[in-house]
Amino acid sequence: MREAWIYGDGSPGLEAASMLAELGFSPRRISSGSSPADPHAAYPELVLILVADTLACGPVNALLRDLRADPELCDVPLVVAIDSTAEVAASIQCDEVILQPIRIEELGVRIARARSRHGIVTAELIPLGSLEIDLAAYEVRLHGEPLELTHMEYRLLELLATHPRRVYSRERLLSRMWGHDHAAGARTVDGHVGRLRAKLGPEHGRRICTVRNVGYRFEV
């Protein structure tokens, strides 16, 4: 499941976590002022920041700059929820701003727009001829039949297929998939790619292209 980080405390954070879970994310709450650093934590597919009042907008912009400066987070969609005016919203440097209280319908739309800005496929079903990747059902079908993938194989395919033609280095895939767990290495990535290609078959396995001396990209 796609991980989402939530910066925000109290009941708004709990409510936002519940909405993100309903939208298909695995929410991870991060207390204000704390570091998300965890050697075994994978990087998120989304960051949601809850701003309690207008006075907090300055620190929020500092946080946004820090997130954008991280090479692993620079292309992660950033959504900020504020309880303020449109004028304040214009000063926040993020992908999308949403007013609180948050409604799940609008949050879903804002997240989809933020992801689209980064070239991320937002459709719940990705049809590729005889291959279908059903993000809503967490299922991959080949010729109409469910394909048995391990959890990590599915996550790898989901990441590559929702970011078509984007080149991921082996190191980047390691951090996105396995966090900073040093038990995994470049051969771990190559092994998962090889097994995933074999399960997809010759027609679709070739969609995962090797970029020599760098990593992999997905072709639609």
N, C-alpha and C. Protein backbone atom coordinates (compact mmCIF):
# COMPACT_ATOMS: atom_id res chain seq x y z
N MET A 1 0.84 -1.19 0.00
CA MET A 1 0.00 0.00 0.00
C MET A 1 0.89 1.25 0.00
N ARG A 2 0.45 2.30 -0.69
CA ARG A 2 1.21 3.54 -0.77
C ARG A 2 1.23 4.24 0.58
N GLU A 3 2.43 4.58 1.03
CA GLU A 3 2.55 5.24 2.32
C GLU A 3 2.35 6.74 2.17
N ALA A 4 1.70 7.33 3.16
CA ALA A 4 1.51 8.79 3.21
C ALA A 4 1.92 9.28 4.58
N TRP A 5 2.70 10.35 4.60
CA TRP A 5 3.09 10.97 5.86
C TRP A 5 2.13 12.10 6.19
N ILE A 6 1.77 12.19 7.46
CA ILE A 6 0.90 13.26 7.94
C ILE A 6 1.64 14.04 9.02
N TYR A 7 1.85 15.33 8.77
CA TYR A 7 2.38 16.22 9.80
C TYR A 7 1.20 16.92 10.44
N GLY A 8 0.94 16.64 11.71
CA GLY A 8 -0.19 17.25 12.39
C GLY A 8 -0.59 16.43 13.60
N ASP A 9 -0.92 17.12 14.66
CA ASP A 9 -1.24 16.44 15.92
C ASP A 9 -2.74 16.50 16.20
N GLY A 10 -3.15 15.78 17.24
CA GLY A 10 -4.52 15.85 17.73
C GLY A 10 -5.54 15.18 16.84
N SER A 11 -6.82 15.53 17.06
CA SER A 11 -7.91 14.89 16.33
C SER A 11 -7.88 15.16 14.83
N PRO A 12 -7.45 16.37 14.37
CA PRO A 12 -7.37 16.56 12.91
C PRO A 12 -6.44 15.55 12.24
N GLY A 13 -5.33 15.23 12.92
CA GLY A 13 -4.41 14.25 12.37
C GLY A 13 -5.03 12.86 12.29
N LEU A 14 -5.80 12.52 13.33
CA LEU A 14 -6.48 11.21 13.33
C LEU A 14 -7.52 11.14 12.22
N GLU A 15 -8.29 12.22 12.06
CA GLU A 15 -9.31 12.24 11.01
C GLU A 15 -8.68 12.17 9.63
N ALA A 16 -7.58 12.91 9.44
CA ALA A 16 -6.89 12.88 8.15
C ALA A 16 -6.34 11.50 7.86
N ALA A 17 -5.82 10.83 8.88
CA ALA A 17 -5.29 9.47 8.70
C ALA A 17 -6.39 8.51 8.26
N SER A 18 -7.56 8.67 8.86
CA SER A 18 -8.69 7.81 8.49
C SER A 18 -9.10 8.04 7.04
N MET A 19 -9.12 9.31 6.61
CA MET A 19 -9.49 9.62 5.23
C MET A 19 -8.46 9.06 4.25
N LEU A 20 -7.18 9.22 4.57
CA LEU A 20 -6.13 8.71 3.68
C LEU A 20 -6.21 7.20 3.55
N ALA A 21 -6.51 6.53 4.65
CA ALA A 21 -6.66 5.07 4.60
C ALA A 21 -7.82 4.69 3.68
N GLU A 22 -8.90 5.45 3.74
CA GLU A 22 -10.05 5.18 2.88
C GLU A 22 -9.73 5.45 1.42
N LEU A 23 -8.78 6.36 1.18
CA LEU A 23 -8.37 6.70 -0.19
C LEU A 23 -7.28 5.78 -0.71
N GLY A 24 -6.91 4.78 0.08
CA GLY A 24 -5.97 3.78 -0.41
C GLY A 24 -4.53 3.98 0.00
N PHE A 25 -4.29 4.85 0.99
CA PHE A 25 -2.93 5.08 1.47
C PHE A 25 -2.74 4.42 2.83
N SER A 26 -1.48 4.19 3.15
CA SER A 26 -1.13 3.72 4.48
C SER A 26 -0.59 4.92 5.25
N PRO A 27 -1.41 5.55 6.10
CA PRO A 27 -0.99 6.79 6.75
C PRO A 27 0.00 6.56 7.89
N ARG A 28 0.97 7.46 7.96
CA ARG A 28 1.95 7.43 9.03
C ARG A 28 2.03 8.83 9.63
N ARG A 29 1.60 8.98 10.87
CA ARG A 29 1.57 10.29 11.51
C ARG A 29 2.94 10.64 12.06
N ILE A 30 3.35 11.88 11.80
CA ILE A 30 4.63 12.39 12.27
C ILE A 30 4.36 13.63 13.10
N SER A 31 4.76 13.59 14.35
CA SER A 31 4.50 14.72 15.25
C SER A 31 5.24 15.96 14.78
N SER A 32 4.63 17.10 14.98
CA SER A 32 5.24 18.37 14.58
C SER A 32 6.59 18.54 15.27
N GLY A 33 7.58 18.90 14.47
CA GLY A 33 8.91 19.15 15.01
C GLY A 33 9.77 17.91 15.13
N SER A 34 9.20 16.73 14.84
CA SER A 34 9.99 15.51 14.93
C SER A 34 10.52 15.12 13.57
N SER A 35 11.47 14.22 13.56
CA SER A 35 12.06 13.76 12.31
C SER A 35 11.46 12.42 11.92
N PRO A 36 11.15 12.23 10.64
CA PRO A 36 10.58 10.96 10.20
C PRO A 36 11.63 9.88 10.02
N ALA A 37 12.90 10.24 10.29
CA ALA A 37 13.99 9.32 10.00
C ALA A 37 13.78 7.98 10.70
N ASP A 38 13.82 6.94 9.96
CA ASP A 38 13.69 5.59 10.47
C ASP A 38 14.44 4.70 9.49
N PRO A 39 15.49 3.98 9.92
CA PRO A 39 16.30 3.22 8.98
C PRO A 39 15.53 2.14 8.25
N HIS A 40 14.35 1.79 8.76
CA HIS A 40 13.59 0.73 8.11
C HIS A 40 12.31 1.25 7.45
N ALA A 41 12.15 2.57 7.39
CA ALA A 41 10.92 3.14 6.84
C ALA A 41 11.09 3.48 5.37
N ALA A 42 10.10 3.11 4.58
CA ALA A 42 10.11 3.46 3.16
C ALA A 42 9.66 4.90 3.02
N TYR A 43 10.05 5.52 1.90
CA TYR A 43 9.64 6.89 1.66
C TYR A 43 8.19 6.92 1.17
N PRO A 44 7.50 8.06 1.38
CA PRO A 44 6.08 8.12 1.08
C PRO A 44 5.79 8.43 -0.38
N GLU A 45 4.54 8.20 -0.75
CA GLU A 45 4.03 8.60 -2.05
C GLU A 45 3.27 9.93 -1.95
N LEU A 46 3.09 10.40 -0.72
CA LEU A 46 2.34 11.64 -0.48
C LEU A 46 2.71 12.18 0.89
N VAL A 47 2.75 13.53 1.01
CA VAL A 47 2.90 14.18 2.31
C VAL A 47 1.75 15.15 2.50
N LEU A 48 1.04 15.02 3.63
CA LEU A 48 -0.06 15.92 3.98
C LEU A 48 0.34 16.67 5.24
N ILE A 49 0.29 17.99 5.19
CA ILE A 49 0.67 18.83 6.33
C ILE A 49 -0.55 19.60 6.79
N LEU A 50 -0.87 19.47 8.08
CA LEU A 50 -2.01 20.16 8.66
C LEU A 50 -1.52 21.39 9.40
N VAL A 51 -2.05 22.56 9.04
CA VAL A 51 -1.66 23.82 9.67
C VAL A 51 -2.78 24.28 10.58
N ALA A 52 -2.45 24.46 11.85
CA ALA A 52 -3.48 24.79 12.83
C ALA A 52 -3.94 26.24 12.73
N ASP A 53 -3.01 27.18 12.44
CA ASP A 53 -3.39 28.59 12.37
C ASP A 53 -2.44 29.32 11.44
N THR A 54 -2.77 30.57 11.14
CA THR A 54 -1.97 31.34 10.18
C THR A 54 -0.56 31.58 10.66
N LEU A 55 -0.35 31.65 11.98
CA LEU A 55 0.98 31.90 12.52
C LEU A 55 1.93 30.75 12.24
N ALA A 56 1.37 29.57 11.92
CA ALA A 56 2.20 28.40 11.66
C ALA A 56 2.67 28.33 10.22
N CYS A 57 2.23 29.24 9.37
CA CYS A 57 2.58 29.16 7.95
C CYS A 57 4.07 29.34 7.70
N GLY A 58 4.73 30.18 8.51
CA GLY A 58 6.18 30.35 8.36
C GLY A 58 6.93 29.05 8.57
N PRO A 59 6.74 28.38 9.71
CA PRO A 59 7.39 27.08 9.92
C PRO A 59 7.00 26.04 8.87
N VAL A 60 5.77 26.12 8.37
CA VAL A 60 5.34 25.16 7.35
C VAL A 60 6.16 25.35 6.07
N ASN A 61 6.38 26.58 5.66
CA ASN A 61 7.19 26.82 4.47
C ASN A 61 8.62 26.35 4.68
N ALA A 62 9.13 26.48 5.90
CA ALA A 62 10.47 25.96 6.20
C ALA A 62 10.48 24.44 6.08
N LEU A 63 9.42 23.79 6.57
CA LEU A 63 9.32 22.34 6.45
C LEU A 63 9.23 21.93 4.99
N LEU A 64 8.44 22.66 4.20
CA LEU A 64 8.30 22.35 2.78
C LEU A 64 9.64 22.48 2.06
N ARG A 65 10.42 23.49 2.42
CA ARG A 65 11.75 23.64 1.80
C ARG A 65 12.65 22.47 2.16
N ASP A 66 12.56 22.03 3.42
CA ASP A 66 13.38 20.89 3.84
C ASP A 66 12.99 19.62 3.08
N LEU A 67 11.70 19.43 2.89
CA LEU A 67 11.23 18.24 2.17
C LEU A 67 11.68 18.29 0.72
N ARG A 68 11.59 19.46 0.09
CA ARG A 68 12.00 19.59 -1.30
C ARG A 68 13.52 19.44 -1.46
N ALA A 69 14.27 19.78 -0.40
CA ALA A 69 15.72 19.68 -0.47
C ALA A 69 16.21 18.25 -0.33
N ASP A 70 15.35 17.36 0.20
CA ASP A 70 15.72 15.95 0.34
C ASP A 70 15.62 15.29 -1.03
N PRO A 71 16.71 14.73 -1.57
CA PRO A 71 16.66 14.14 -2.92
C PRO A 71 15.66 13.00 -3.04
N GLU A 72 15.31 12.36 -1.92
CA GLU A 72 14.34 11.27 -1.96
C GLU A 72 12.89 11.76 -1.90
N LEU A 73 12.72 13.03 -1.53
CA LEU A 73 11.37 13.57 -1.34
C LEU A 73 11.05 14.71 -2.29
N CYS A 74 12.02 15.11 -3.10
CA CYS A 74 11.85 16.31 -3.93
C CYS A 74 10.71 16.19 -4.93
N ASP A 75 10.34 14.97 -5.33
CA ASP A 75 9.25 14.82 -6.30
C ASP A 75 8.01 14.17 -5.69
N VAL A 76 7.94 14.15 -4.35
CA VAL A 76 6.76 13.61 -3.68
C VAL A 76 5.70 14.71 -3.59
N PRO A 77 4.46 14.43 -3.97
CA PRO A 77 3.41 15.45 -3.91
C PRO A 77 3.20 15.95 -2.48
N LEU A 78 3.09 17.27 -2.32
CA LEU A 78 2.91 17.90 -1.02
C LEU A 78 1.57 18.61 -0.99
N VAL A 79 0.71 18.24 -0.05
CA VAL A 79 -0.60 18.85 0.11
C VAL A 79 -0.66 19.48 1.51
N VAL A 80 -1.10 20.73 1.58
CA VAL A 80 -1.18 21.43 2.86
C VAL A 80 -2.64 21.78 3.14
N ALA A 81 -3.10 21.45 4.36
CA ALA A 81 -4.46 21.78 4.78
C ALA A 81 -4.37 22.94 5.78
N ILE A 82 -5.09 24.03 5.51
CA ILE A 82 -5.03 25.21 6.37
C ILE A 82 -6.42 25.61 6.83
N ASP A 83 -6.45 26.32 7.95
CA ASP A 83 -7.70 26.88 8.47
C ASP A 83 -7.55 28.39 8.38
N SER A 84 -7.58 28.89 7.13
CA SER A 84 -7.23 30.29 6.93
C SER A 84 -7.86 30.83 5.66
N THR A 85 -7.25 31.89 5.12
CA THR A 85 -7.79 32.57 3.95
C THR A 85 -7.03 32.21 2.69
N ALA A 86 -7.62 32.54 1.54
CA ALA A 86 -6.98 32.26 0.26
C ALA A 86 -5.68 33.05 0.11
N GLU A 87 -5.60 34.24 0.74
CA GLU A 87 -4.38 35.04 0.63
C GLU A 87 -3.20 34.33 1.28
N VAL A 88 -3.46 33.73 2.45
CA VAL A 88 -2.41 32.97 3.13
C VAL A 88 -2.06 31.74 2.32
N ALA A 89 -3.06 31.11 1.74
CA ALA A 89 -2.83 29.90 0.94
C ALA A 89 -1.86 30.17 -0.19
N ALA A 90 -1.96 31.36 -0.79
CA ALA A 90 -1.11 31.69 -1.93
C ALA A 90 0.36 31.78 -1.55
N SER A 91 0.64 31.97 -0.25
CA SER A 91 2.03 32.12 0.19
C SER A 91 2.68 30.78 0.52
N ILE A 92 1.91 29.71 0.49
CA ILE A 92 2.45 28.40 0.84
C ILE A 92 2.93 27.70 -0.42
N GLN A 93 4.19 27.30 -0.42
CA GLN A 93 4.82 26.71 -1.59
C GLN A 93 4.66 25.18 -1.59
N CYS A 94 3.53 24.74 -2.09
CA CYS A 94 3.25 23.30 -2.14
C CYS A 94 2.51 22.99 -3.44
N ASP A 95 2.12 21.74 -3.61
CA ASP A 95 1.41 21.36 -4.84
C ASP A 95 -0.07 21.70 -4.78
N GLU A 96 -0.68 21.48 -3.63
CA GLU A 96 -2.11 21.78 -3.48
C GLU A 96 -2.38 22.26 -2.05
N VAL A 97 -3.33 23.20 -1.92
CA VAL A 97 -3.78 23.69 -0.62
C VAL A 97 -5.26 23.37 -0.49
N ILE A 98 -5.64 22.88 0.68
CA ILE A 98 -7.03 22.55 0.95
C ILE A 98 -7.43 23.20 2.27
N LEU A 99 -8.66 23.72 2.33
CA LEU A 99 -9.13 24.37 3.55
C LEU A 99 -9.71 23.34 4.52
N GLN A 100 -9.45 23.57 5.80
CA GLN A 100 -10.04 22.74 6.84
C GLN A 100 -11.39 23.34 7.28
N PRO A 101 -12.33 22.52 7.74
CA PRO A 101 -12.23 21.06 7.91
C PRO A 101 -12.20 20.33 6.57
N ILE A 102 -11.43 19.26 6.56
CA ILE A 102 -11.22 18.52 5.31
C ILE A 102 -12.42 17.61 5.03
N ARG A 103 -12.84 17.61 3.78
CA ARG A 103 -13.84 16.65 3.31
C ARG A 103 -13.13 15.63 2.42
N ILE A 104 -13.44 14.37 2.60
CA ILE A 104 -12.71 13.31 1.91
C ILE A 104 -12.83 13.44 0.39
N GLU A 105 -13.99 13.90 -0.11
CA GLU A 105 -14.15 14.03 -1.56
C GLU A 105 -13.16 15.05 -2.12
N GLU A 106 -13.06 16.20 -1.45
CA GLU A 106 -12.14 17.23 -1.93
C GLU A 106 -10.69 16.80 -1.73
N LEU A 107 -10.41 16.11 -0.62
CA LEU A 107 -9.04 15.64 -0.39
C LEU A 107 -8.61 14.70 -1.51
N GLY A 108 -9.51 13.81 -1.92
CA GLY A 108 -9.19 12.89 -3.01
C GLY A 108 -8.87 13.63 -4.30
N VAL A 109 -9.66 14.67 -4.60
CA VAL A 109 -9.44 15.47 -5.81
C VAL A 109 -8.10 16.19 -5.73
N ARG A 110 -7.82 16.79 -4.58
CA ARG A 110 -6.57 17.54 -4.41
C ARG A 110 -5.36 16.63 -4.52
N ILE A 111 -5.45 15.46 -3.94
CA ILE A 111 -4.34 14.51 -4.01
C ILE A 111 -4.11 14.08 -5.46
N ALA A 112 -5.19 13.80 -6.17
CA ALA A 112 -5.06 13.39 -7.58
C ALA A 112 -4.41 14.50 -8.40
N ARG A 113 -4.81 15.76 -8.15
CA ARG A 113 -4.20 16.88 -8.87
C ARG A 113 -2.73 17.03 -8.53
N ALA A 114 -2.41 16.88 -7.26
CA ALA A 114 -1.01 17.00 -6.85
C ALA A 114 -0.16 15.91 -7.47
N ARG A 115 -0.68 14.70 -7.51
CA ARG A 115 0.06 13.59 -8.11
C ARG A 115 0.21 13.79 -9.62
N SER A 116 -0.82 14.32 -10.26
CA SER A 116 -0.76 14.56 -11.70
C SER A 116 0.33 15.59 -12.04
N ARG A 117 0.51 16.57 -11.17
CA ARG A 117 1.55 17.58 -11.39
C ARG A 117 2.94 16.95 -11.49
N HIS A 118 3.10 15.80 -10.84
CA HIS A 118 4.39 15.11 -10.84
C HIS A 118 4.43 13.98 -11.87
N GLY A 119 3.45 13.94 -12.76
CA GLY A 119 3.44 12.92 -13.81
C GLY A 119 3.07 11.54 -13.31
N ILE A 120 2.39 11.48 -12.16
CA ILE A 120 2.01 10.19 -11.58
C ILE A 120 0.64 9.78 -12.11
N VAL A 121 0.51 8.55 -12.54
CA VAL A 121 -0.77 8.02 -13.02
C VAL A 121 -1.72 7.95 -11.83
N THR A 122 -2.89 8.57 -11.95
CA THR A 122 -3.84 8.61 -10.85
C THR A 122 -5.06 7.71 -11.05
N ALA A 123 -5.19 7.12 -12.23
CA ALA A 123 -6.33 6.22 -12.48
C ALA A 123 -6.21 4.98 -11.60
N GLU A 124 -7.34 4.47 -11.15
CA GLU A 124 -7.32 3.29 -10.29
C GLU A 124 -7.06 2.02 -11.08
N LEU A 125 -7.29 2.07 -12.39
CA LEU A 125 -7.05 0.90 -13.23
C LEU A 125 -6.11 1.32 -14.37
N ILE A 126 -5.00 0.59 -14.49
CA ILE A 126 -4.04 0.86 -15.56
C ILE A 126 -4.12 -0.30 -16.56
N PRO A 127 -4.81 -0.11 -17.69
CA PRO A 127 -4.93 -1.18 -18.69
C PRO A 127 -3.77 -1.14 -19.67
N LEU A 128 -3.10 -2.25 -19.83
CA LEU A 128 -1.96 -2.35 -20.75
C LEU A 128 -2.16 -3.59 -21.62
N GLY A 129 -3.17 -3.54 -22.48
CA GLY A 129 -3.47 -4.71 -23.30
C GLY A 129 -3.96 -5.86 -22.44
N SER A 130 -3.27 -6.99 -22.48
CA SER A 130 -3.69 -8.16 -21.71
C SER A 130 -3.28 -8.07 -20.25
N LEU A 131 -2.60 -6.98 -19.89
CA LEU A 131 -2.18 -6.77 -18.49
C LEU A 131 -3.00 -5.64 -17.89
N GLU A 132 -3.55 -5.89 -16.70
CA GLU A 132 -4.30 -4.86 -15.98
C GLU A 132 -3.74 -4.73 -14.58
N ILE A 133 -3.45 -3.48 -14.19
CA ILE A 133 -2.99 -3.22 -12.83
C ILE A 133 -4.11 -2.48 -12.12
N ASP A 134 -4.76 -3.17 -11.20
CA ASP A 134 -5.92 -2.62 -10.49
C ASP A 134 -5.44 -2.08 -9.15
N LEU A 135 -5.21 -0.78 -9.09
CA LEU A 135 -4.67 -0.18 -7.87
C LEU A 135 -5.71 -0.17 -6.75
N ALA A 136 -6.98 -0.10 -7.10
CA ALA A 136 -8.03 -0.07 -6.08
C ALA A 136 -8.15 -1.42 -5.39
N ALA A 137 -7.97 -2.49 -6.15
CA ALA A 137 -8.11 -3.84 -5.59
C ALA A 137 -6.77 -4.46 -5.20
N TYR A 138 -5.67 -3.72 -5.45
CA TYR A 138 -4.31 -4.24 -5.19
C TYR A 138 -4.14 -5.59 -5.89
N GLU A 139 -4.51 -5.60 -7.17
CA GLU A 139 -4.47 -6.84 -7.93
C GLU A 139 -3.91 -6.59 -9.33
N VAL A 140 -3.16 -7.54 -9.82
CA VAL A 140 -2.64 -7.51 -11.18
C VAL A 140 -3.23 -8.69 -11.93
N ARG A 141 -3.79 -8.42 -13.10
CA ARG A 141 -4.41 -9.50 -13.89
C ARG A 141 -3.71 -9.62 -15.24
N LEU A 142 -3.45 -10.84 -15.63
CA LEU A 142 -2.84 -11.13 -16.93
C LEU A 142 -3.78 -12.05 -17.69
N HIS A 143 -4.24 -11.59 -18.86
CA HIS A 143 -5.25 -12.32 -19.64
C HIS A 143 -6.49 -12.60 -18.79
N GLY A 144 -6.84 -11.65 -17.92
CA GLY A 144 -8.05 -11.77 -17.11
C GLY A 144 -7.90 -12.58 -15.85
N GLU A 145 -6.74 -13.21 -15.65
CA GLU A 145 -6.52 -14.04 -14.47
C GLU A 145 -5.59 -13.33 -13.49
N PRO A 146 -5.91 -13.41 -12.18
CA PRO A 146 -5.04 -12.76 -11.18
C PRO A 146 -3.62 -13.32 -11.23
N LEU A 147 -2.66 -12.43 -11.15
CA LEU A 147 -1.26 -12.80 -11.17
C LEU A 147 -0.74 -12.82 -9.74
N GLU A 148 -0.11 -13.92 -9.36
CA GLU A 148 0.38 -14.05 -8.00
C GLU A 148 1.72 -13.33 -7.86
N LEU A 149 1.68 -12.21 -7.15
CA LEU A 149 2.89 -11.43 -6.89
C LEU A 149 3.10 -11.34 -5.39
N THR A 150 4.36 -11.28 -4.97
CA THR A 150 4.63 -11.02 -3.56
C THR A 150 4.32 -9.56 -3.27
N HIS A 151 4.29 -9.23 -1.99
CA HIS A 151 4.00 -7.84 -1.60
C HIS A 151 5.01 -6.88 -2.22
N MET A 152 6.29 -7.22 -2.17
CA MET A 152 7.31 -6.32 -2.69
C MET A 152 7.28 -6.27 -4.22
N GLU A 153 6.95 -7.37 -4.87
CA GLU A 153 6.84 -7.36 -6.33
C GLU A 153 5.70 -6.44 -6.76
N TYR A 154 4.58 -6.52 -6.03
CA TYR A 154 3.46 -5.64 -6.37
C TYR A 154 3.82 -4.18 -6.14
N ARG A 155 4.46 -3.88 -5.04
CA ARG A 155 4.85 -2.50 -4.74
C ARG A 155 5.82 -1.96 -5.80
N LEU A 156 6.73 -2.80 -6.23
CA LEU A 156 7.69 -2.40 -7.26
C LEU A 156 6.97 -2.09 -8.57
N LEU A 157 6.06 -2.97 -8.97
CA LEU A 157 5.31 -2.76 -10.20
C LEU A 157 4.44 -1.52 -10.09
N GLU A 158 3.78 -1.33 -8.96
CA GLU A 158 2.93 -0.16 -8.75
C GLU A 158 3.74 1.12 -8.87
N LEU A 159 4.91 1.16 -8.23
CA LEU A 159 5.75 2.36 -8.27
C LEU A 159 6.18 2.68 -9.69
N LEU A 160 6.67 1.68 -10.41
CA LEU A 160 7.16 1.92 -11.77
C LEU A 160 6.02 2.27 -12.72
N ALA A 161 4.90 1.55 -12.62
CA ALA A 161 3.79 1.75 -13.56
C ALA A 161 3.07 3.07 -13.34
N THR A 162 3.06 3.57 -12.11
CA THR A 162 2.40 4.86 -11.86
C THR A 162 3.33 6.04 -12.14
N HIS A 163 4.60 5.74 -12.45
CA HIS A 163 5.56 6.79 -12.83
C HIS A 163 6.18 6.40 -14.17
N PRO A 164 5.36 6.28 -15.22
CA PRO A 164 5.89 5.78 -16.50
C PRO A 164 7.01 6.64 -17.06
N ARG A 165 7.99 5.96 -17.62
CA ARG A 165 9.16 6.57 -18.28
C ARG A 165 10.10 7.31 -17.33
N ARG A 166 9.79 7.30 -16.05
CA ARG A 166 10.71 7.91 -15.10
C ARG A 166 11.79 6.90 -14.73
N VAL A 167 13.03 7.32 -14.81
CA VAL A 167 14.15 6.43 -14.50
C VAL A 167 14.39 6.43 -12.99
N TYR A 168 14.41 5.24 -12.42
CA TYR A 168 14.74 5.06 -11.01
C TYR A 168 16.06 4.34 -10.89
N SER A 169 16.99 4.94 -10.18
CA SER A 169 18.25 4.25 -9.93
C SER A 169 17.99 3.11 -8.94
N ARG A 170 18.89 2.17 -8.89
CA ARG A 170 18.75 1.07 -7.93
C ARG A 170 18.74 1.62 -6.51
N GLU A 171 19.58 2.62 -6.24
CA GLU A 171 19.64 3.20 -4.91
C GLU A 171 18.32 3.86 -4.54
N ARG A 172 17.70 4.53 -5.52
CA ARG A 172 16.43 5.20 -5.25
C ARG A 172 15.33 4.17 -5.00
N LEU A 173 15.33 3.10 -5.77
CA LEU A 173 14.34 2.05 -5.55
C LEU A 173 14.52 1.42 -4.18
N LEU A 174 15.76 1.25 -3.77
CA LEU A 174 16.03 0.69 -2.44
C LEU A 174 15.43 1.57 -1.35
N SER A 175 15.66 2.87 -1.44
CA SER A 175 15.17 3.77 -0.40
C SER A 175 13.65 3.89 -0.44
N ARG A 176 13.07 3.89 -1.64
CA ARG A 176 11.62 4.00 -1.76
C ARG A 176 10.91 2.73 -1.32
N MET A 177 11.54 1.59 -1.56
CA MET A 177 10.89 0.31 -1.27
C MET A 177 11.26 -0.26 0.09
N TRP A 178 12.53 -0.14 0.42
CA TRP A 178 13.01 -0.78 1.64
C TRP A 178 13.49 0.21 2.69
N GLY A 179 13.35 1.51 2.45
CA GLY A 179 13.88 2.49 3.37
C GLY A 179 15.39 2.45 3.34
N HIS A 180 16.02 2.62 4.48
CA HIS A 180 17.47 2.60 4.54
C HIS A 180 17.96 1.32 5.20
N ASP A 181 17.22 0.24 4.98
CA ASP A 181 17.62 -1.06 5.52
C ASP A 181 18.83 -1.55 4.74
N HIS A 182 19.99 -1.57 5.39
CA HIS A 182 21.22 -1.91 4.68
C HIS A 182 21.36 -3.40 4.41
N ALA A 183 20.38 -4.19 4.88
CA ALA A 183 20.42 -5.61 4.55
C ALA A 183 20.09 -5.83 3.08
N ALA A 184 19.44 -4.83 2.48
CA ALA A 184 19.10 -4.91 1.05
C ALA A 184 20.15 -4.14 0.25
N GLY A 185 20.39 -4.61 -0.97
CA GLY A 185 21.37 -3.95 -1.83
C GLY A 185 20.91 -3.97 -3.27
N ALA A 186 21.80 -3.56 -4.17
CA ALA A 186 21.45 -3.49 -5.60
C ALA A 186 21.00 -4.84 -6.12
N ARG A 187 21.61 -5.92 -5.65
CA ARG A 187 21.22 -7.25 -6.12
C ARG A 187 19.79 -7.59 -5.68
N THR A 188 19.37 -7.03 -4.55
CA THR A 188 17.99 -7.25 -4.10
C THR A 188 17.01 -6.67 -5.13
N VAL A 189 17.31 -5.46 -5.59
CA VAL A 189 16.46 -4.83 -6.60
C VAL A 189 16.47 -5.64 -7.88
N ASP A 190 17.65 -6.01 -8.35
CA ASP A 190 17.76 -6.77 -9.60
C ASP A 190 17.01 -8.10 -9.50
N GLY A 191 17.10 -8.74 -8.33
CA GLY A 191 16.41 -10.01 -8.15
C GLY A 191 14.90 -9.86 -8.23
N HIS A 192 14.37 -8.82 -7.58
CA HIS A 192 12.92 -8.59 -7.63
C HIS A 192 12.47 -8.23 -9.04
N VAL A 193 13.26 -7.41 -9.73
CA VAL A 193 12.91 -7.05 -11.11
C VAL A 193 12.91 -8.29 -11.99
N GLY A 194 13.91 -9.14 -11.84
CA GLY A 194 13.99 -10.36 -12.65
C GLY A 194 12.79 -11.27 -12.43
N ARG A 195 12.41 -11.47 -11.17
CA ARG A 195 11.25 -12.33 -10.88
C ARG A 195 9.95 -11.69 -11.37
N LEU A 196 9.85 -10.37 -11.23
CA LEU A 196 8.64 -9.68 -11.71
C LEU A 196 8.52 -9.78 -13.22
N ARG A 197 9.62 -9.60 -13.93
CA ARG A 197 9.60 -9.73 -15.39
C ARG A 197 9.16 -11.13 -15.80
N ALA A 198 9.68 -12.14 -15.11
CA ALA A 198 9.33 -13.52 -15.44
C ALA A 198 7.84 -13.77 -15.26
N LYS A 199 7.26 -13.22 -14.19
CA LYS A 199 5.83 -13.43 -13.94
C LYS A 199 4.96 -12.66 -14.94
N LEU A 200 5.45 -11.50 -15.39
CA LEU A 200 4.69 -10.72 -16.37
C LEU A 200 4.74 -11.33 -17.76
N GLY A 201 5.75 -12.18 -18.00
CA GLY A 201 5.88 -12.83 -19.30
C GLY A 201 6.62 -11.97 -20.30
N PRO A 202 6.99 -12.53 -21.44
CA PRO A 202 7.80 -11.80 -22.42
C PRO A 202 7.11 -10.55 -22.98
N GLU A 203 5.78 -10.59 -23.12
CA GLU A 203 5.09 -9.43 -23.70
C GLU A 203 5.16 -8.21 -22.79
N HIS A 204 4.96 -8.42 -21.50
CA HIS A 204 4.89 -7.29 -20.58
C HIS A 204 6.14 -7.14 -19.71
N GLY A 205 6.91 -8.20 -19.57
CA GLY A 205 8.13 -8.10 -18.79
C GLY A 205 9.09 -7.08 -19.39
N ARG A 206 9.05 -6.95 -20.71
CA ARG A 206 9.95 -6.02 -21.40
C ARG A 206 9.57 -4.56 -21.14
N ARG A 207 8.38 -4.33 -20.56
CA ARG A 207 8.01 -2.95 -20.21
C ARG A 207 8.94 -2.39 -19.14
N ILE A 208 9.50 -3.26 -18.32
CA ILE A 208 10.46 -2.82 -17.31
C ILE A 208 11.82 -2.81 -17.98
N CYS A 209 12.24 -1.64 -18.40
CA CYS A 209 13.47 -1.50 -19.19
C CYS A 209 14.66 -1.22 -18.28
N THR A 210 15.77 -1.84 -18.60
CA THR A 210 17.00 -1.57 -17.88
C THR A 210 17.69 -0.35 -18.47
N VAL A 211 18.03 0.59 -17.61
CA VAL A 211 18.80 1.76 -18.02
C VAL A 211 20.24 1.48 -17.58
N ARG A 212 21.09 1.24 -18.52
CA ARG A 212 22.43 0.74 -18.22
C ARG A 212 23.18 1.63 -17.23
N ASN A 213 23.76 0.98 -16.24
CA ASN A 213 24.56 1.63 -15.19
C ASN A 213 23.76 2.58 -14.31
N VAL A 214 22.41 2.54 -14.45
CA VAL A 214 21.59 3.44 -13.63
C VAL A 214 20.53 2.64 -12.86
N GLY A 215 19.53 2.11 -13.58
CA GLY A 215 18.45 1.41 -12.92
C GLY A 215 17.39 0.97 -13.88
N TYR A 216 16.13 1.37 -13.64
CA TYR A 216 15.02 0.86 -14.44
C TYR A 216 13.99 1.96 -14.72
N ARG A 217 13.21 1.75 -15.79
CA ARG A 217 12.06 2.60 -16.08
C ARG A 217 10.96 1.71 -16.66
N PHE A 218 9.73 2.21 -16.58
CA PHE A 218 8.57 1.46 -17.06
C PHE A 218 8.03 2.12 -18.32
N GLU A 219 7.83 1.32 -19.37
CA GLU A 219 7.28 1.82 -20.64
C GLU A 219 5.86 1.34 -20.80
N VAL A 220 4.99 2.26 -21.18
CA VAL A 220 3.58 1.91 -21.39
C VAL A 220 3.32 1.57 -22.86
